[in-house]
All heavy atoms as atom14 arrays in JSON, in Angstrom:
{
  "sequence": "NNGLSSPVIHSLYVDRNDRLWAGTMGGIFRSTNEGYAWSLIDSANAP",
  "atom14_mask": [
    [1, 1, 1, 1, 1, 1, 1, 1, 0, 0, 0, 0, 0, 0],
    [1, 1, 1, 1, 1, 1, 1, 1, 0, 0, 0, 0, 0, 0],
    [1, 1, 1, 1, 0, 0, 0, 0, 0, 0, 0, 0, 0, 0],
    [1, 1, 1, 1, 1, 1, 1, 1, 0, 0, 0, 0, 0, 0],
    [1, 1, 1, 1, 1, 1, 0, 0, 0, 0, 0, 0, 0, 0],
    [1, 1, 1, 1, 1, 1, 0, 0, 0, 0, 0, 0, 0, 0],
    [1, 1, 1, 1, 1, 1, 1, 0, 0, 0, 0, 0, 0, 0],
    [1, 1, 1, 1, 1, 1, 1, 0, 0, 0, 0, 0, 0, 0],
    [1, 1, 1, 1, 1, 1, 1, 1, 0, 0, 0, 0, 0, 0],
    [1, 1, 1, 1, 1, 1, 1, 1, 1, 1, 0, 0, 0, 0],
    [1, 1, 1, 1, 1, 1, 0, 0, 0, 0, 0, 0, 0, 0],
    [1, 1, 1, 1, 1, 1, 1, 1, 0, 0, 0, 0, 0, 0],
    [1, 1, 1, 1, 1, 1, 1, 1, 1, 1, 1, 1, 0, 0],
    [1, 1, 1, 1, 1, 1, 1, 0, 0, 0, 0, 0, 0, 0],
    [1, 1, 1, 1, 1, 1, 1, 1, 0, 0, 0, 0, 0, 0],
    [1, 1, 1, 1, 1, 1, 1, 1, 1, 1, 1, 0, 0, 0],
    [1, 1, 1, 1, 1, 1, 1, 1, 0, 0, 0, 0, 0, 0],
    [1, 1, 1, 1, 1, 1, 1, 1, 0, 0, 0, 0, 0, 0],
    [1, 1, 1, 1, 1, 1, 1, 1, 1, 1, 1, 0, 0, 0],
    [1, 1, 1, 1, 1, 1, 1, 1, 0, 0, 0, 0, 0, 0],
    [1, 1, 1, 1, 1, 1, 1, 1, 1, 1, 1, 1, 1, 1],
    [1, 1, 1, 1, 1, 0, 0, 0, 0, 0, 0, 0, 0, 0],
    [1, 1, 1, 1, 0, 0, 0, 0, 0, 0, 0, 0, 0, 0],
    [1, 1, 1, 1, 1, 1, 1, 0, 0, 0, 0, 0, 0, 0],
    [1, 1, 1, 1, 1, 1, 1, 1, 0, 0, 0, 0, 0, 0],
    [1, 1, 1, 1, 0, 0, 0, 0, 0, 0, 0, 0, 0, 0],
    [1, 1, 1, 1, 0, 0, 0, 0, 0, 0, 0, 0, 0, 0],
    [1, 1, 1, 1, 1, 1, 1, 1, 0, 0, 0, 0, 0, 0],
    [1, 1, 1, 1, 1, 1, 1, 1, 1, 1, 1, 0, 0, 0],
    [1, 1, 1, 1, 1, 1, 1, 1, 1, 1, 1, 0, 0, 0],
    [1, 1, 1, 1, 1, 1, 0, 0, 0, 0, 0, 0, 0, 0],
    [1, 1, 1, 1, 1, 1, 1, 0, 0, 0, 0, 0, 0, 0],
    [1, 1, 1, 1, 1, 1, 1, 1, 0, 0, 0, 0, 0, 0],
    [1, 1, 1, 1, 1, 1, 1, 1, 1, 0, 0, 0, 0, 0],
    [1, 1, 1, 1, 0, 0, 0, 0, 0, 0, 0, 0, 0, 0],
    [1, 1, 1, 1, 1, 1, 1, 1, 1, 1, 1, 1, 0, 0],
    [1, 1, 1, 1, 1, 0, 0, 0, 0, 0, 0, 0, 0, 0],
    [1, 1, 1, 1, 1, 1, 1, 1, 1, 1, 1, 1, 1, 1],
    [1, 1, 1, 1, 1, 1, 0, 0, 0, 0, 0, 0, 0, 0],
    [1, 1, 1, 1, 1, 1, 1, 1, 0, 0, 0, 0, 0, 0],
    [1, 1, 1, 1, 1, 1, 1, 1, 0, 0, 0, 0, 0, 0],
    [1, 1, 1, 1, 1, 1, 1, 1, 0, 0, 0, 0, 0, 0],
    [1, 1, 1, 1, 1, 1, 0, 0, 0, 0, 0, 0, 0, 0],
    [1, 1, 1, 1, 1, 0, 0, 0, 0, 0, 0, 0, 0, 0],
    [1, 1, 1, 1, 1, 1, 1, 1, 0, 0, 0, 0, 0, 0],
    [1, 1, 1, 1, 1, 0, 0, 0, 0, 0, 0, 0, 0, 0],
    [1, 1, 1, 1, 1, 1, 1, 0, 0, 0, 0, 0, 0, 0]
  ],
  "atom14_positions": [
    [[11.47, -4.33, -18.34], [10.13, -3.78, -18.16], [9.09, -4.34, -19.12], [7.98, -3.81, -19.21], [10.16, -2.26, -18.31], [10.87, -1.57, -17.16], [10.88, -2.08, -16.04], [11.49, -0.44, -17.43], [0.0, 0.0, 0.0], [0.0, 0.0, 0.0], [0.0, 0.0, 0.0], [0.0, 0.0, 0.0], [0.0, 0.0, 0.0], [0.0, 0.0, 0.0]],
    [[9.39, -5.43, -19.82], [8.43, -5.98, -20.78], [7.16, -6.45, -20.08], [7.2, -7.36, -19.25], [9.05, -7.14, -21.55], [8.13, -7.66, -22.64], [7.38, -6.9, -23.25], [8.19, -8.96, -22.89], [0.0, 0.0, 0.0], [0.0, 0.0, 0.0], [0.0, 0.0, 0.0], [0.0, 0.0, 0.0], [0.0, 0.0, 0.0], [0.0, 0.0, 0.0]],
    [[6.04, -5.81, -20.38], [4.77, -6.14, -19.74], [4.5, -5.36, -18.48], [3.4, -5.46, -17.91], [0.0, 0.0, 0.0], [0.0, 0.0, 0.0], [0.0, 0.0, 0.0], [0.0, 0.0, 0.0], [0.0, 0.0, 0.0], [0.0, 0.0, 0.0], [0.0, 0.0, 0.0], [0.0, 0.0, 0.0], [0.0, 0.0, 0.0], [0.0, 0.0, 0.0]],
    [[5.46, -4.57, -18.03], [5.29, -3.77, -16.82], [4.74, -2.41, -17.24], [5.48, -1.54, -17.67], [6.63, -3.62, -16.11], [6.63, -3.01, -14.71], [5.89, -3.91, -13.72], [8.06, -2.77, -14.23], [0.0, 0.0, 0.0], [0.0, 0.0, 0.0], [0.0, 0.0, 0.0], [0.0, 0.0, 0.0], [0.0, 0.0, 0.0], [0.0, 0.0, 0.0]],
    [[3.43, -2.25, -17.12], [2.77, -1.07, -17.68], [2.88, 0.16, -16.79], [2.59, 1.27, -17.24], [1.29, -1.37, -17.94], [0.64, -1.79, -16.75], [0.0, 0.0, 0.0], [0.0, 0.0, 0.0], [0.0, 0.0, 0.0], [0.0, 0.0, 0.0], [0.0, 0.0, 0.0], [0.0, 0.0, 0.0], [0.0, 0.0, 0.0], [0.0, 0.0, 0.0]],
    [[3.27, -0.02, -15.55], [3.41, 1.13, -14.64], [4.88, 1.32, -14.29], [5.52, 0.43, -13.73], [2.6, 0.9, -13.36], [2.75, 1.99, -12.48], [0.0, 0.0, 0.0], [0.0, 0.0, 0.0], [0.0, 0.0, 0.0], [0.0, 0.0, 0.0], [0.0, 0.0, 0.0], [0.0, 0.0, 0.0], [0.0, 0.0, 0.0], [0.0, 0.0, 0.0]],
    [[5.47, 2.47, -14.62], [6.9, 2.67, -14.4], [7.28, 3.12, -12.98], [8.46, 3.21, -12.66], [7.26, 3.76, -15.4], [6.01, 4.6, -15.48], [4.87, 3.63, -15.33], [0.0, 0.0, 0.0], [0.0, 0.0, 0.0], [0.0, 0.0, 0.0], [0.0, 0.0, 0.0], [0.0, 0.0, 0.0], [0.0, 0.0, 0.0], [0.0, 0.0, 0.0]],
    [[6.28, 3.41, -12.14], [6.56, 3.89, -10.79], [6.56, 2.69, -9.84], [5.51, 2.12, -9.54], [5.52, 4.93, -10.33], [5.86, 5.46, -8.95], [5.43, 6.08, -11.34], [0.0, 0.0, 0.0], [0.0, 0.0, 0.0], [0.0, 0.0, 0.0], [0.0, 0.0, 0.0], [0.0, 0.0, 0.0], [0.0, 0.0, 0.0], [0.0, 0.0, 0.0]],
    [[7.74, 2.31, -9.36], [7.9, 1.09, -8.55], [8.01, 1.47, -7.08], [8.91, 2.2, -6.67], [9.14, 0.3, -8.98], [9.15, 0.09, -10.49], [9.19, -1.04, -8.24], [7.96, -0.67, -11.03], [0.0, 0.0, 0.0], [0.0, 0.0, 0.0], [0.0, 0.0, 0.0], [0.0, 0.0, 0.0], [0.0, 0.0, 0.0], [0.0, 0.0, 0.0]],
    [[7.09, 0.96, -6.27], [7.1, 1.23, -4.84], [7.76, 0.12, -4.03], [8.28, 0.36, -2.94], [5.67, 1.42, -4.34], [5.05, 2.72, -4.75], [5.01, 3.83, -3.93], [4.47, 3.1, -5.9], [4.44, 4.83, -4.56], [4.09, 4.42, -5.76], [0.0, 0.0, 0.0], [0.0, 0.0, 0.0], [0.0, 0.0, 0.0], [0.0, 0.0, 0.0]],
    [[7.75, -1.1, -4.54], [8.33, -2.22, -3.79], [8.73, -3.34, -4.73], [8.15, -3.51, -5.8], [7.33, -2.75, -2.74], [6.12, -3.16, -3.37], [0.0, 0.0, 0.0], [0.0, 0.0, 0.0], [0.0, 0.0, 0.0], [0.0, 0.0, 0.0], [0.0, 0.0, 0.0], [0.0, 0.0, 0.0], [0.0, 0.0, 0.0], [0.0, 0.0, 0.0]],
    [[9.76, -4.09, -4.32], [10.19, -5.3, -5.02], [10.36, -6.41, -4.0], [10.75, -6.16, -2.86], [11.52, -5.07, -5.74], [11.53, -4.18, -6.98], [12.97, -3.99, -7.48], [10.67, -4.75, -8.1], [0.0, 0.0, 0.0], [0.0, 0.0, 0.0], [0.0, 0.0, 0.0], [0.0, 0.0, 0.0], [0.0, 0.0, 0.0], [0.0, 0.0, 0.0]],
    [[10.09, -7.64, -4.43], [10.25, -8.79, -3.53], [10.59, -10.01, -4.36], [9.99, -10.25, -5.42], [8.97, -9.02, -2.74], [9.01, -10.25, -1.85], [9.78, -10.26, -0.69], [8.3, -11.4, -2.17], [9.83, -11.38, 0.13], [8.34, -12.52, -1.36], [9.11, -12.51, -0.21], [9.16, -13.62, 0.59], [0.0, 0.0, 0.0], [0.0, 0.0, 0.0]],
    [[11.55, -10.8, -3.89], [11.89, -12.08, -4.51], [11.46, -13.19, -3.56], [11.92, -13.23, -2.41], [13.4, -12.18, -4.82], [13.74, -13.55, -5.39], [13.81, -11.08, -5.8], [0.0, 0.0, 0.0], [0.0, 0.0, 0.0], [0.0, 0.0, 0.0], [0.0, 0.0, 0.0], [0.0, 0.0, 0.0], [0.0, 0.0, 0.0], [0.0, 0.0, 0.0]],
    [[10.57, -14.08, -4.01], [10.11, -15.14, -3.13], [11.06, -16.34, -3.17], [12.08, -16.33, -3.87], [8.67, -15.54, -3.46], [8.49, -16.19, -4.83], [9.47, -16.76, -5.37], [7.36, -16.15, -5.36], [0.0, 0.0, 0.0], [0.0, 0.0, 0.0], [0.0, 0.0, 0.0], [0.0, 0.0, 0.0], [0.0, 0.0, 0.0], [0.0, 0.0, 0.0]],
    [[10.73, -17.39, -2.41], [11.64, -18.53, -2.28], [11.79, -19.32, -3.58], [12.71, -20.13, -3.71], [11.17, -19.44, -1.16], [9.82, -20.08, -1.36], [9.49, -20.96, -0.18], [9.46, -20.19, 1.07], [9.59, -20.73, 2.28], [9.76, -22.03, 2.41], [9.53, -19.97, 3.35], [0.0, 0.0, 0.0], [0.0, 0.0, 0.0], [0.0, 0.0, 0.0]],
    [[10.91, -19.09, -4.55], [11.01, -19.72, -5.86], [11.67, -18.81, -6.88], [11.62, -19.09, -8.08], [9.62, -20.13, -6.34], [8.99, -21.19, -5.46], [9.63, -22.18, -5.11], [7.74, -20.98, -5.09], [0.0, 0.0, 0.0], [0.0, 0.0, 0.0], [0.0, 0.0, 0.0], [0.0, 0.0, 0.0], [0.0, 0.0, 0.0], [0.0, 0.0, 0.0]],
    [[12.27, -17.74, -6.41], [12.96, -16.75, -7.25], [12.02, -16.01, -8.19], [12.46, -15.45, -9.2], [14.11, -17.38, -8.04], [15.44, -17.17, -7.35], [15.49, -16.49, -6.31], [16.46, -17.7, -7.84], [0.0, 0.0, 0.0], [0.0, 0.0, 0.0], [0.0, 0.0, 0.0], [0.0, 0.0, 0.0], [0.0, 0.0, 0.0], [0.0, 0.0, 0.0]],
    [[10.74, -16.0, -7.89], [9.83, -15.15, -8.65], [9.96, -13.73, -8.14], [10.08, -13.49, -6.93], [8.38, -15.64, -8.51], [8.13, -17.01, -9.12], [6.7, -17.46, -8.88], [6.4, -17.57, -7.46], [5.25, -18.0, -6.98], [4.27, -18.34, -7.81], [5.05, -18.06, -5.67], [0.0, 0.0, 0.0], [0.0, 0.0, 0.0], [0.0, 0.0, 0.0]],
    [[9.92, -12.78, -9.05], [10.1, -11.37, -8.73], [8.74, -10.68, -8.74], [7.97, -10.82, -9.69], [11.04, -10.72, -9.74], [11.37, -9.24, -9.58], [12.06, -8.97, -8.26], [12.22, -8.75, -10.75], [0.0, 0.0, 0.0], [0.0, 0.0, 0.0], [0.0, 0.0, 0.0], [0.0, 0.0, 0.0], [0.0, 0.0, 0.0], [0.0, 0.0, 0.0]],
    [[8.45, -9.96, -7.67], [7.19, -9.24, -7.52], [7.46, -7.75, -7.47], [8.46, -7.32, -6.88], [6.47, -9.66, -6.24], [6.17, -11.13, -6.16], [7.05, -12.15, -5.91], [4.89, -11.76, -6.3], [6.41, -13.37, -5.9], [5.08, -13.15, -6.13], [3.59, -11.27, -6.54], [4.02, -14.06, -6.22], [2.55, -12.18, -6.61], [2.77, -13.55, -6.45]],
    [[6.57, -6.97, -8.06], [6.72, -5.51, -8.06], [5.4, -4.86, -7.67], [4.35, -5.18, -8.25], [7.15, -5.01, -9.43], [0.0, 0.0, 0.0], [0.0, 0.0, 0.0], [0.0, 0.0, 0.0], [0.0, 0.0, 0.0], [0.0, 0.0, 0.0], [0.0, 0.0, 0.0], [0.0, 0.0, 0.0], [0.0, 0.0, 0.0], [0.0, 0.0, 0.0]],
    [[5.46, -3.97, -6.7], [4.31, -3.16, -6.33], [4.4, -1.82, -7.02], [5.39, -1.1, -6.86], [0.0, 0.0, 0.0], [0.0, 0.0, 0.0], [0.0, 0.0, 0.0], [0.0, 0.0, 0.0], [0.0, 0.0, 0.0], [0.0, 0.0, 0.0], [0.0, 0.0, 0.0], [0.0, 0.0, 0.0], [0.0, 0.0, 0.0], [0.0, 0.0, 0.0]],
    [[3.39, -1.47, -7.81], [3.44, -0.27, -8.63], [2.18, 0.56, -8.4], [1.23, 0.14, -7.74], [3.54, -0.62, -10.12], [2.24, -1.01, -10.6], [4.52, -1.75, -10.37], [0.0, 0.0, 0.0], [0.0, 0.0, 0.0], [0.0, 0.0, 0.0], [0.0, 0.0, 0.0], [0.0, 0.0, 0.0], [0.0, 0.0, 0.0], [0.0, 0.0, 0.0]],
    [[2.14, 1.72, -9.04], [0.94, 2.55, -9.01], [-0.21, 1.87, -9.73], [-1.38, 2.17, -9.49], [1.23, 3.91, -9.64], [2.11, 4.81, -8.8], [1.35, 5.28, -7.23], [-0.02, 6.28, -7.81], [0.0, 0.0, 0.0], [0.0, 0.0, 0.0], [0.0, 0.0, 0.0], [0.0, 0.0, 0.0], [0.0, 0.0, 0.0], [0.0, 0.0, 0.0]],
    [[0.1, 0.95, -10.65], [-0.92, 0.27, -11.43], [-1.29, -1.1, -10.91], [-2.02, -1.84, -11.58], [0.0, 0.0, 0.0], [0.0, 0.0, 0.0], [0.0, 0.0, 0.0], [0.0, 0.0, 0.0], [0.0, 0.0, 0.0], [0.0, 0.0, 0.0], [0.0, 0.0, 0.0], [0.0, 0.0, 0.0], [0.0, 0.0, 0.0], [0.0, 0.0, 0.0]],
    [[-0.79, -1.47, -9.74], [-1.11, -2.77, -9.18], [0.14, -3.61, -8.93], [1.27, -3.11, -8.98], [0.0, 0.0, 0.0], [0.0, 0.0, 0.0], [0.0, 0.0, 0.0], [0.0, 0.0, 0.0], [0.0, 0.0, 0.0], [0.0, 0.0, 0.0], [0.0, 0.0, 0.0], [0.0, 0.0, 0.0], [0.0, 0.0, 0.0], [0.0, 0.0, 0.0]],
    [[-0.08, -4.9, -8.7], [1.01, -5.83, -8.41], [1.34, -6.64, -9.66], [0.43, -7.2, -10.3], [0.63, -6.76, -7.25], [0.39, -5.96, -5.98], [1.72, -7.81, -7.02], [-0.16, -6.78, -4.84], [0.0, 0.0, 0.0], [0.0, 0.0, 0.0], [0.0, 0.0, 0.0], [0.0, 0.0, 0.0], [0.0, 0.0, 0.0], [0.0, 0.0, 0.0]],
    [[2.63, -6.7, -9.99], [3.09, -7.47, -11.14], [4.02, -8.59, -10.65], [4.66, -8.48, -9.61], [3.85, -6.58, -12.12], [2.98, -5.6, -12.86], [2.54, -4.43, -12.25], [2.61, -5.85, -14.17], [1.74, -3.53, -12.93], [1.81, -4.95, -14.86], [1.37, -3.78, -14.24], [0.0, 0.0, 0.0], [0.0, 0.0, 0.0], [0.0, 0.0, 0.0]],
    [[4.09, -9.67, -11.44], [4.95, -10.81, -11.1], [5.73, -11.24, -12.34], [5.21, -11.23, -13.45], [4.1, -11.97, -10.59], [4.92, -13.21, -10.2], [4.0, -14.3, -9.66], [3.04, -14.71, -10.69], [1.89, -15.33, -10.42], [1.54, -15.56, -9.18], [1.08, -15.67, -11.41], [0.0, 0.0, 0.0], [0.0, 0.0, 0.0], [0.0, 0.0, 0.0]],
    [[6.98, -11.62, -12.12], [7.83, -12.14, -13.19], [8.45, -13.46, -12.76], [8.93, -13.59, -11.64], [8.95, -11.14, -13.53], [9.84, -11.7, -14.48], [0.0, 0.0, 0.0], [0.0, 0.0, 0.0], [0.0, 0.0, 0.0], [0.0, 0.0, 0.0], [0.0, 0.0, 0.0], [0.0, 0.0, 0.0], [0.0, 0.0, 0.0], [0.0, 0.0, 0.0]],
    [[8.44, -14.43, -13.66], [9.06, -15.73, -13.38], [10.39, -15.9, -14.1], [10.99, -16.97, -14.03], [8.1, -16.87, -13.8], [7.82, -16.76, -15.2], [6.8, -16.81, -13.01], [0.0, 0.0, 0.0], [0.0, 0.0, 0.0], [0.0, 0.0, 0.0], [0.0, 0.0, 0.0], [0.0, 0.0, 0.0], [0.0, 0.0, 0.0], [0.0, 0.0, 0.0]],
    [[10.84, -14.85, -14.78], [12.1, -14.95, -15.53], [12.99, -13.73, -15.31], [13.52, -13.15, -16.25], [11.83, -15.17, -17.02], [10.98, -14.06, -17.64], [10.62, -13.1, -16.96], [10.68, -14.18, -18.91], [0.0, 0.0, 0.0], [0.0, 0.0, 0.0], [0.0, 0.0, 0.0], [0.0, 0.0, 0.0], [0.0, 0.0, 0.0], [0.0, 0.0, 0.0]],
    [[13.12, -13.34, -14.05], [14.03, -12.27, -13.64], [13.68, -10.92, -14.25], [14.55, -10.11, -14.53], [15.48, -12.64, -13.94], [15.94, -13.9, -13.21], [17.43, -14.17, -13.36], [18.02, -13.77, -14.39], [18.01, -14.75, -12.43], [0.0, 0.0, 0.0], [0.0, 0.0, 0.0], [0.0, 0.0, 0.0], [0.0, 0.0, 0.0], [0.0, 0.0, 0.0]],
    [[12.4, -10.69, -14.45], [11.95, -9.38, -14.89], [11.88, -9.19, -16.39], [11.46, -8.12, -16.85], [0.0, 0.0, 0.0], [0.0, 0.0, 0.0], [0.0, 0.0, 0.0], [0.0, 0.0, 0.0], [0.0, 0.0, 0.0], [0.0, 0.0, 0.0], [0.0, 0.0, 0.0], [0.0, 0.0, 0.0], [0.0, 0.0, 0.0], [0.0, 0.0, 0.0]],
    [[12.24, -10.19, -17.17], [12.23, -10.01, -18.63], [10.81, -10.06, -19.2], [10.57, -9.62, -20.32], [13.14, -11.04, -19.29], [14.59, -10.73, -19.02], [15.28, -11.36, -17.99], [15.26, -9.77, -19.77], [16.61, -11.05, -17.71], [16.59, -9.44, -19.5], [17.25, -10.09, -18.48], [18.55, -9.77, -18.2], [0.0, 0.0, 0.0], [0.0, 0.0, 0.0]],
    [[9.86, -10.58, -18.44], [8.45, -10.52, -18.81], [7.63, -10.44, -17.52], [7.91, -11.15, -16.56], [8.04, -11.73, -19.64], [0.0, 0.0, 0.0], [0.0, 0.0, 0.0], [0.0, 0.0, 0.0], [0.0, 0.0, 0.0], [0.0, 0.0, 0.0], [0.0, 0.0, 0.0], [0.0, 0.0, 0.0], [0.0, 0.0, 0.0], [0.0, 0.0, 0.0]],
    [[6.63, -9.56, -17.52], [5.82, -9.33, -16.33], [4.36, -9.61, -16.63], [3.88, -9.39, -17.75], [5.94, -7.87, -15.87], [7.28, -7.47, -15.37], [8.32, -6.96, -16.1], [7.75, -7.53, -14.02], [9.4, -6.7, -15.29], [9.08, -7.04, -14.01], [7.17, -7.93, -12.82], [9.84, -6.94, -12.84], [7.92, -7.85, -11.66], [9.23, -7.35, -11.68]],
    [[3.62, -10.07, -15.62], [2.17, -10.23, -15.73], [1.51, -9.53, -14.56], [2.01, -9.56, -13.43], [1.78, -11.71, -15.74], [2.23, -12.37, -14.57], [0.0, 0.0, 0.0], [0.0, 0.0, 0.0], [0.0, 0.0, 0.0], [0.0, 0.0, 0.0], [0.0, 0.0, 0.0], [0.0, 0.0, 0.0], [0.0, 0.0, 0.0], [0.0, 0.0, 0.0]],
    [[0.39, -8.89, -14.85], [-0.35, -8.15, -13.83], [-1.19, -9.09, -13.0], [-1.91, -9.94, -13.54], [-1.23, -7.09, -14.49], [-2.16, -6.28, -13.57], [-1.37, -5.43, -12.6], [-3.1, -5.42, -14.41], [0.0, 0.0, 0.0], [0.0, 0.0, 0.0], [0.0, 0.0, 0.0], [0.0, 0.0, 0.0], [0.0, 0.0, 0.0], [0.0, 0.0, 0.0]],
    [[-1.09, -8.99, -11.67], [-1.98, -9.71, -10.78], [-3.25, -8.87, -10.68], [-3.37, -7.98, -9.85], [-1.35, -9.92, -9.38], [0.03, -10.57, -9.52], [-2.26, -10.75, -8.51], [0.02, -11.91, -10.2], [0.0, 0.0, 0.0], [0.0, 0.0, 0.0], [0.0, 0.0, 0.0], [0.0, 0.0, 0.0], [0.0, 0.0, 0.0], [0.0, 0.0, 0.0]],
    [[-4.18, -9.13, -11.6], [-5.31, -8.22, -11.8], [-6.45, -8.53, -10.85], [-6.92, -9.66, -10.77], [-5.8, -8.31, -13.24], [-6.64, -7.13, -13.63], [-6.71, -6.18, -12.84], [-7.22, -7.14, -14.73], [0.0, 0.0, 0.0], [0.0, 0.0, 0.0], [0.0, 0.0, 0.0], [0.0, 0.0, 0.0], [0.0, 0.0, 0.0], [0.0, 0.0, 0.0]],
    [[-6.88, -7.54, -10.14], [-8.01, -7.67, -9.24], [-8.57, -6.3, -8.95], [-7.81, -5.35, -8.73], [-7.61, -8.34, -7.92], [-8.66, -8.31, -6.99], [0.0, 0.0, 0.0], [0.0, 0.0, 0.0], [0.0, 0.0, 0.0], [0.0, 0.0, 0.0], [0.0, 0.0, 0.0], [0.0, 0.0, 0.0], [0.0, 0.0, 0.0], [0.0, 0.0, 0.0]],
    [[-9.89, -6.2, -8.97], [-10.52, -4.89, -8.77], [-10.25, -4.34, -7.38], [-10.16, -3.12, -7.2], [-12.02, -5.0, -9.01], [0.0, 0.0, 0.0], [0.0, 0.0, 0.0], [0.0, 0.0, 0.0], [0.0, 0.0, 0.0], [0.0, 0.0, 0.0], [0.0, 0.0, 0.0], [0.0, 0.0, 0.0], [0.0, 0.0, 0.0], [0.0, 0.0, 0.0]],
    [[-10.1, -5.23, -6.4], [-9.89, -4.74, -5.03], [-8.47, -4.91, -4.54], [-8.2, -4.85, -3.35], [-10.86, -5.43, -4.06], [-10.6, -6.92, -3.95], [-9.99, -7.51, -4.84], [-11.07, -7.55, -2.88], [0.0, 0.0, 0.0], [0.0, 0.0, 0.0], [0.0, 0.0, 0.0], [0.0, 0.0, 0.0], [0.0, 0.0, 0.0], [0.0, 0.0, 0.0]],
    [[-7.53, -5.12, -5.46], [-6.11, -5.19, -5.07], [-5.64, -3.82, -4.6], [-5.98, -2.8, -5.21], [-5.26, -5.67, -6.23], [0.0, 0.0, 0.0], [0.0, 0.0, 0.0], [0.0, 0.0, 0.0], [0.0, 0.0, 0.0], [0.0, 0.0, 0.0], [0.0, 0.0, 0.0], [0.0, 0.0, 0.0], [0.0, 0.0, 0.0], [0.0, 0.0, 0.0]],
    [[-4.88, -3.76, -3.51], [-4.4, -2.47, -3.0], [-3.41, -1.82, -3.96], [-2.53, -2.48, -4.5], [-3.73, -2.85, -1.68], [-3.37, -4.29, -1.83], [-4.43, -4.9, -2.69], [0.0, 0.0, 0.0], [0.0, 0.0, 0.0], [0.0, 0.0, 0.0], [0.0, 0.0, 0.0], [0.0, 0.0, 0.0], [0.0, 0.0, 0.0], [0.0, 0.0, 0.0]]
  ]
}
């Protein structure tokens, strides 16, 4: 959960490049190292 500021996870997805995506109450997060570090896909109009 390093960098994952929202603990409520609604969805997970692994893309063809093995990047891990998480849909949370706080927005969409992405990890390029199997979840050991997360970055927020920050956008004011992100669902």
